[in-house]
């Protein structure tokens, strides 16, 4: 059985769209553009959603690209955006354009990203000597070294 979590949201603008789930089993909730927005090649653009959320302590929101826009060439320059549980500002989707042409224009109300809610464990970092770290097959191999085994 899956754990449930309640995420409160508020519309900062009356024309904002509430998050929607594409299907009962969809992992992410769709976020929509509050206004028509042009995303230009090589420039980071903030797409407004007009929404603020209250994610419970111990959880985070992960803002991810929609695969349909990614296939066209719109990406998130930071990969996945993290919304901390203590953030109450407007949700924005950071995007850039790498597709054909110089830009893409997103319509008002267009689904522009997905937000997943994920647990955040209590993490404790403890300093030890290098000898106390467990060894692995990869060892100290750098970038690309995991494919050599």
C-alpha atoms as a PDB file:
ATOM      1  CA  UNK A   1       0.000   0.000   0.000  1.00  0.00           C
ATOM      2  CA  UNK A   2       1.285   3.442  -0.911  1.00  0.00           C
ATOM      3  CA  UNK A   3       1.659   6.155   1.693  1.00  0.00           C
ATOM      4  CA  UNK A   4      -0.498   9.222   1.144  1.00  0.00           C
ATOM      5  CA  UNK A   5       0.577  12.803   1.703  1.00  0.00           C
ATOM      6  CA  UNK A   6      -1.523  15.945   1.613  1.00  0.00           C
ATOM      7  CA  UNK A   7      -0.031  18.953  -0.168  1.00  0.00           C
ATOM      8  CA  UNK A   8      -1.897  22.212   0.322  1.00  0.00           C
ATOM      9  CA  UNK A   9      -1.838  24.702  -2.535  1.00  0.00           C
ATOM     10  CA  UNK A  10      -3.004  28.264  -3.053  1.00  0.00           C
ATOM     11  CA  UNK A  11      -3.675  30.155  -6.240  1.00  0.00           C
ATOM     12  CA  UNK A  12      -1.621  33.351  -6.222  1.00  0.00           C
ATOM     13  CA  UNK A  13      -3.514  34.434  -9.316  1.00  0.00           C
ATOM     14  CA  UNK A  14      -7.193  33.641  -9.945  1.00  0.00           C
ATOM     15  CA  UNK A  15      -6.302  32.371 -13.428  1.00  0.00           C
ATOM     16  CA  UNK A  16      -3.830  29.774 -12.132  1.00  0.00           C
ATOM     17  CA  UNK A  17      -4.672  26.112 -12.769  1.00  0.00           C
ATOM     18  CA  UNK A  18      -4.607  23.604  -9.954  1.00  0.00           C
ATOM     19  CA  UNK A  19      -2.196  20.658 -10.297  1.00  0.00           C
ATOM     20  CA  UNK A  20      -3.786  17.742 -12.161  1.00  0.00           C
ATOM     21  CA  UNK A  21      -2.902  14.087 -12.391  1.00  0.00           C
ATOM     22  CA  UNK A  22      -2.973  12.621 -15.913  1.00  0.00           C
ATOM     23  CA  UNK A  23      -4.118   9.213 -14.643  1.00  0.00           C
ATOM     24  CA  UNK A  24      -4.678   7.482 -11.326  1.00  0.00           C
ATOM     25  CA  UNK A  25      -1.230   5.883 -11.541  1.00  0.00           C
ATOM     26  CA  UNK A  26       0.693   8.920 -12.811  1.00  0.00           C
ATOM     27  CA  UNK A  27       3.662   9.713 -10.575  1.00  0.00           C
ATOM     28  CA  UNK A  28       3.642  13.437 -11.273  1.00  0.00           C
ATOM     29  CA  UNK A  29       1.065  16.194 -11.116  1.00  0.00           C
ATOM     30  CA  UNK A  30       0.953  18.479 -14.125  1.00  0.00           C
ATOM     31  CA  UNK A  31       1.782  22.157 -13.699  1.00  0.00           C
ATOM     32  CA  UNK A  32       0.446  24.659 -16.240  1.00  0.00           C
ATOM     33  CA  UNK A  33       1.763  27.976 -17.512  1.00  0.00           C
ATOM     34  CA  UNK A  34      -0.040  30.930 -15.943  1.00  0.00           C
ATOM     35  CA  UNK A  35       0.599  33.073 -19.008  1.00  0.00           C
ATOM     36  CA  UNK A  36       1.897  32.730 -22.536  1.00  0.00           C
ATOM     37  CA  UNK A  37       5.667  32.383 -22.232  1.00  0.00           C
ATOM     38  CA  UNK A  38       8.436  32.295 -24.817  1.00  0.00           C
ATOM     39  CA  UNK A  39      11.431  30.108 -23.984  1.00  0.00           C
ATOM     40  CA  UNK A  40      14.497  31.179 -25.955  1.00  0.00           C
ATOM     41  CA  UNK A  41      17.464  29.100 -27.051  1.00  0.00           C
ATOM     42  CA  UNK A  42      20.334  29.226 -24.578  1.00  0.00           C
ATOM     43  CA  UNK A  43      18.477  31.391 -22.031  1.00  0.00           C
ATOM     44  CA  UNK A  44      17.029  30.234 -18.706  1.00  0.00           C
ATOM     45  CA  UNK A  45      13.394  31.293 -18.558  1.00  0.00           C
ATOM     46  CA  UNK A  46      11.116  31.148 -15.517  1.00  0.00           C
ATOM     47  CA  UNK A  47       7.649  29.909 -16.411  1.00  0.00           C
ATOM     48  CA  UNK A  48       5.091  31.131 -13.885  1.00  0.00           C
ATOM     49  CA  UNK A  49       2.462  28.736 -12.543  1.00  0.00           C
ATOM     50  CA  UNK A  50       0.618  31.137 -10.229  1.00  0.00           C
ATOM     51  CA  UNK A  51       0.674  28.480  -7.494  1.00  0.00           C
ATOM     52  CA  UNK A  52       2.217  28.235  -4.036  1.00  0.00           C
ATOM     53  CA  UNK A  53       2.353  24.958  -2.114  1.00  0.00           C
ATOM     54  CA  UNK A  54       2.869  23.772   1.448  1.00  0.00           C
ATOM     55  CA  UNK A  55       4.767  20.509   1.205  1.00  0.00           C
ATOM     56  CA  UNK A  56       4.832  18.716   4.572  1.00  0.00           C
ATOM     57  CA  UNK A  57       8.074  18.503   6.531  1.00  0.00           C
ATOM     58  CA  UNK A  58       9.996  15.373   5.562  1.00  0.00           C
ATOM     59  CA  UNK A  59       8.924  15.626   1.910  1.00  0.00           C
ATOM     60  CA  UNK A  60      10.110  17.538  -1.162  1.00  0.00           C
ATOM     61  CA  UNK A  61       8.624  18.514  -4.487  1.00  0.00           C
ATOM     62  CA  UNK A  62      10.560  17.529  -7.600  1.00  0.00           C
ATOM     63  CA  UNK A  63       9.834  19.614 -10.693  1.00  0.00           C
ATOM     64  CA  UNK A  64      10.543  17.620 -13.845  1.00  0.00           C
ATOM     65  CA  UNK A  65      10.226  18.194 -17.557  1.00  0.00           C
ATOM     66  CA  UNK A  66       7.279  16.762 -19.432  1.00  0.00           C
ATOM     67  CA  UNK A  67       8.525  14.189 -21.908  1.00  0.00           C
ATOM     68  CA  UNK A  68       6.444  15.647 -24.748  1.00  0.00           C
ATOM     69  CA  UNK A  69       8.152  19.042 -24.429  1.00  0.00           C
ATOM     70  CA  UNK A  70      11.545  17.426 -23.889  1.00  0.00           C
ATOM     71  CA  UNK A  71      11.140  15.528 -27.160  1.00  0.00           C
ATOM     72  CA  UNK A  72      10.640  18.871 -28.925  1.00  0.00           C
ATOM     73  CA  UNK A  73      13.703  20.440 -27.279  1.00  0.00           C
ATOM     74  CA  UNK A  74      12.584  22.162 -24.070  1.00  0.00           C
ATOM     75  CA  UNK A  75      14.743  21.133 -21.124  1.00  0.00           C
ATOM     76  CA  UNK A  76      15.283  22.183 -17.537  1.00  0.00           C
ATOM     77  CA  UNK A  77      18.857  23.508 -17.243  1.00  0.00           C
ATOM     78  CA  UNK A  78      19.039  22.294 -13.640  1.00  0.00           C
ATOM     79  CA  UNK A  79      17.731  18.807 -14.546  1.00  0.00           C
ATOM     80  CA  UNK A  80      15.252  18.485 -11.698  1.00  0.00           C
ATOM     81  CA  UNK A  81      14.124  21.410  -9.575  1.00  0.00           C
ATOM     82  CA  UNK A  82      13.693  20.846  -5.843  1.00  0.00           C
ATOM     83  CA  UNK A  83      10.936  22.517  -3.849  1.00  0.00           C
ATOM     84  CA  UNK A  84      11.792  22.378  -0.145  1.00  0.00           C
ATOM     85  CA  UNK A  85       9.069  21.888   2.446  1.00  0.00           C
ATOM     86  CA  UNK A  86       9.645  25.377   3.882  1.00  0.00           C
ATOM     87  CA  UNK A  87       9.301  27.239   0.546  1.00  0.00           C
ATOM     88  CA  UNK A  88       6.065  29.207   0.147  1.00  0.00           C
ATOM     89  CA  UNK A  89       6.778  31.335  -2.914  1.00  0.00           C
ATOM     90  CA  UNK A  90       5.378  30.885  -6.407  1.00  0.00           C
ATOM     91  CA  UNK A  91       6.258  27.644  -8.165  1.00  0.00           C
ATOM     92  CA  UNK A  92       8.271  28.461 -11.255  1.00  0.00           C
ATOM     93  CA  UNK A  93       9.498  26.083 -13.926  1.00  0.00           C
ATOM     94  CA  UNK A  94      13.027  26.867 -15.107  1.00  0.00           C
ATOM     95  CA  UNK A  95      13.376  26.021 -18.804  1.00  0.00           C
ATOM     96  CA  UNK A  96      15.586  26.571 -21.825  1.00  0.00           C
ATOM     97  CA  UNK A  97      15.209  25.718 -25.491  1.00  0.00           C
ATOM     98  CA  UNK A  98      17.628  23.468 -27.398  1.00  0.00           C
ATOM     99  CA  UNK A  99      15.274  22.383 -30.188  1.00  0.00           C
ATOM    100  CA  UNK A 100      14.903  23.555 -33.779  1.00  0.00           C
ATOM    101  CA  UNK A 101      14.492  27.275 -34.232  1.00  0.00           C
ATOM    102  CA  UNK A 102      15.337  30.031 -31.789  1.00  0.00           C
ATOM    103  CA  UNK A 103      12.447  29.621 -29.354  1.00  0.00           C
ATOM    104  CA  UNK A 104       9.245  27.899 -28.351  1.00  0.00           C
ATOM    105  CA  UNK A 105       6.120  29.722 -27.229  1.00  0.00           C
ATOM    106  CA  UNK A 106       4.026  28.018 -24.596  1.00  0.00           C
ATOM    107  CA  UNK A 107       0.342  28.847 -24.430  1.00  0.00           C
ATOM    108  CA  UNK A 108      -1.393  30.059 -21.302  1.00  0.00           C
ATOM    109  CA  UNK A 109      -2.688  26.939 -19.533  1.00  0.00           C
ATOM    110  CA  UNK A 110      -0.297  24.571 -21.324  1.00  0.00           C
ATOM    111  CA  UNK A 111       1.127  21.728 -19.238  1.00  0.00           C
ATOM    112  CA  UNK A 112       4.793  22.662 -18.827  1.00  0.00           C
ATOM    113  CA  UNK A 113       6.171  20.369 -16.098  1.00  0.00           C
ATOM    114  CA  UNK A 114       5.325  17.720 -13.545  1.00  0.00           C
ATOM    115  CA  UNK A 115       5.724  17.852  -9.785  1.00  0.00           C
ATOM    116  CA  UNK A 116       6.445  14.671  -7.871  1.00  0.00           C
ATOM    117  CA  UNK A 117       6.320  14.518  -4.086  1.00  0.00           C
ATOM    118  CA  UNK A 118       9.085  12.397  -2.550  1.00  0.00           C
ATOM    119  CA  UNK A 119      10.183  11.552   1.000  1.00  0.00           C
ATOM    120  CA  UNK A 120      13.347  13.114   2.353  1.00  0.00           C
ATOM    121  CA  UNK A 121      15.139  10.973   4.939  1.00  0.00           C
ATOM    122  CA  UNK A 122      16.802  12.497   7.969  1.00  0.00           C
ATOM    123  CA  UNK A 123      20.443  12.433   6.883  1.00  0.00           C
ATOM    124  CA  UNK A 124      23.477  12.642   9.133  1.00  0.00           C
ATOM    125  CA  UNK A 125      26.957  13.125   7.705  1.00  0.00           C
ATOM    126  CA  UNK A 126      29.780  11.748   9.861  1.00  0.00           C
ATOM    127  CA  UNK A 127      33.412  12.310   8.981  1.00  0.00           C
ATOM    128  CA  UNK A 128      35.645   9.229   8.919  1.00  0.00           C
ATOM    129  CA  UNK A 129      39.078   8.400   7.540  1.00  0.00           C
ATOM    130  CA  UNK A 130      39.369   7.268   3.918  1.00  0.00           C
ATOM    131  CA  UNK A 131      40.221   3.764   5.168  1.00  0.00           C
ATOM    132  CA  UNK A 132      36.858   3.570   6.974  1.00  0.00           C
ATOM    133  CA  UNK A 133      34.853   4.048   3.769  1.00  0.00           C
ATOM    134  CA  UNK A 134      33.679   0.715   2.351  1.00  0.00           C
ATOM    135  CA  UNK A 135      35.386  -0.392  -0.853  1.00  0.00           C
ATOM    136  CA  UNK A 136      33.505  -1.079  -4.117  1.00  0.00           C
ATOM    137  CA  UNK A 137      34.323  -2.690  -7.472  1.00  0.00           C
ATOM    138  CA  UNK A 138      34.428   0.771  -9.006  1.00  0.00           C
ATOM    139  CA  UNK A 139      36.783   2.143  -6.365  1.00  0.00           C
ATOM    140  CA  UNK A 140      38.190   5.536  -7.236  1.00  0.00           C
ATOM    141  CA  UNK A 141      37.266   5.299 -10.926  1.00  0.00           C
ATOM    142  CA  UNK A 142      36.085   8.638 -12.246  1.00  0.00           C
ATOM    143  CA  UNK A 143      33.581   9.697 -14.876  1.00  0.00           C
ATOM    144  CA  UNK A 144      32.631   6.818 -17.172  1.00  0.00           C
ATOM    145  CA  UNK A 145      34.471   4.196 -15.140  1.00  0.00           C
ATOM    146  CA  UNK A 146      31.380   2.237 -14.036  1.00  0.00           C
ATOM    147  CA  UNK A 147      30.847   0.827 -17.551  1.00  0.00           C
ATOM    148  CA  UNK A 148      34.202  -0.947 -17.672  1.00  0.00           C
ATOM    149  CA  UNK A 149      33.230  -3.970 -15.523  1.00  0.00           C
END
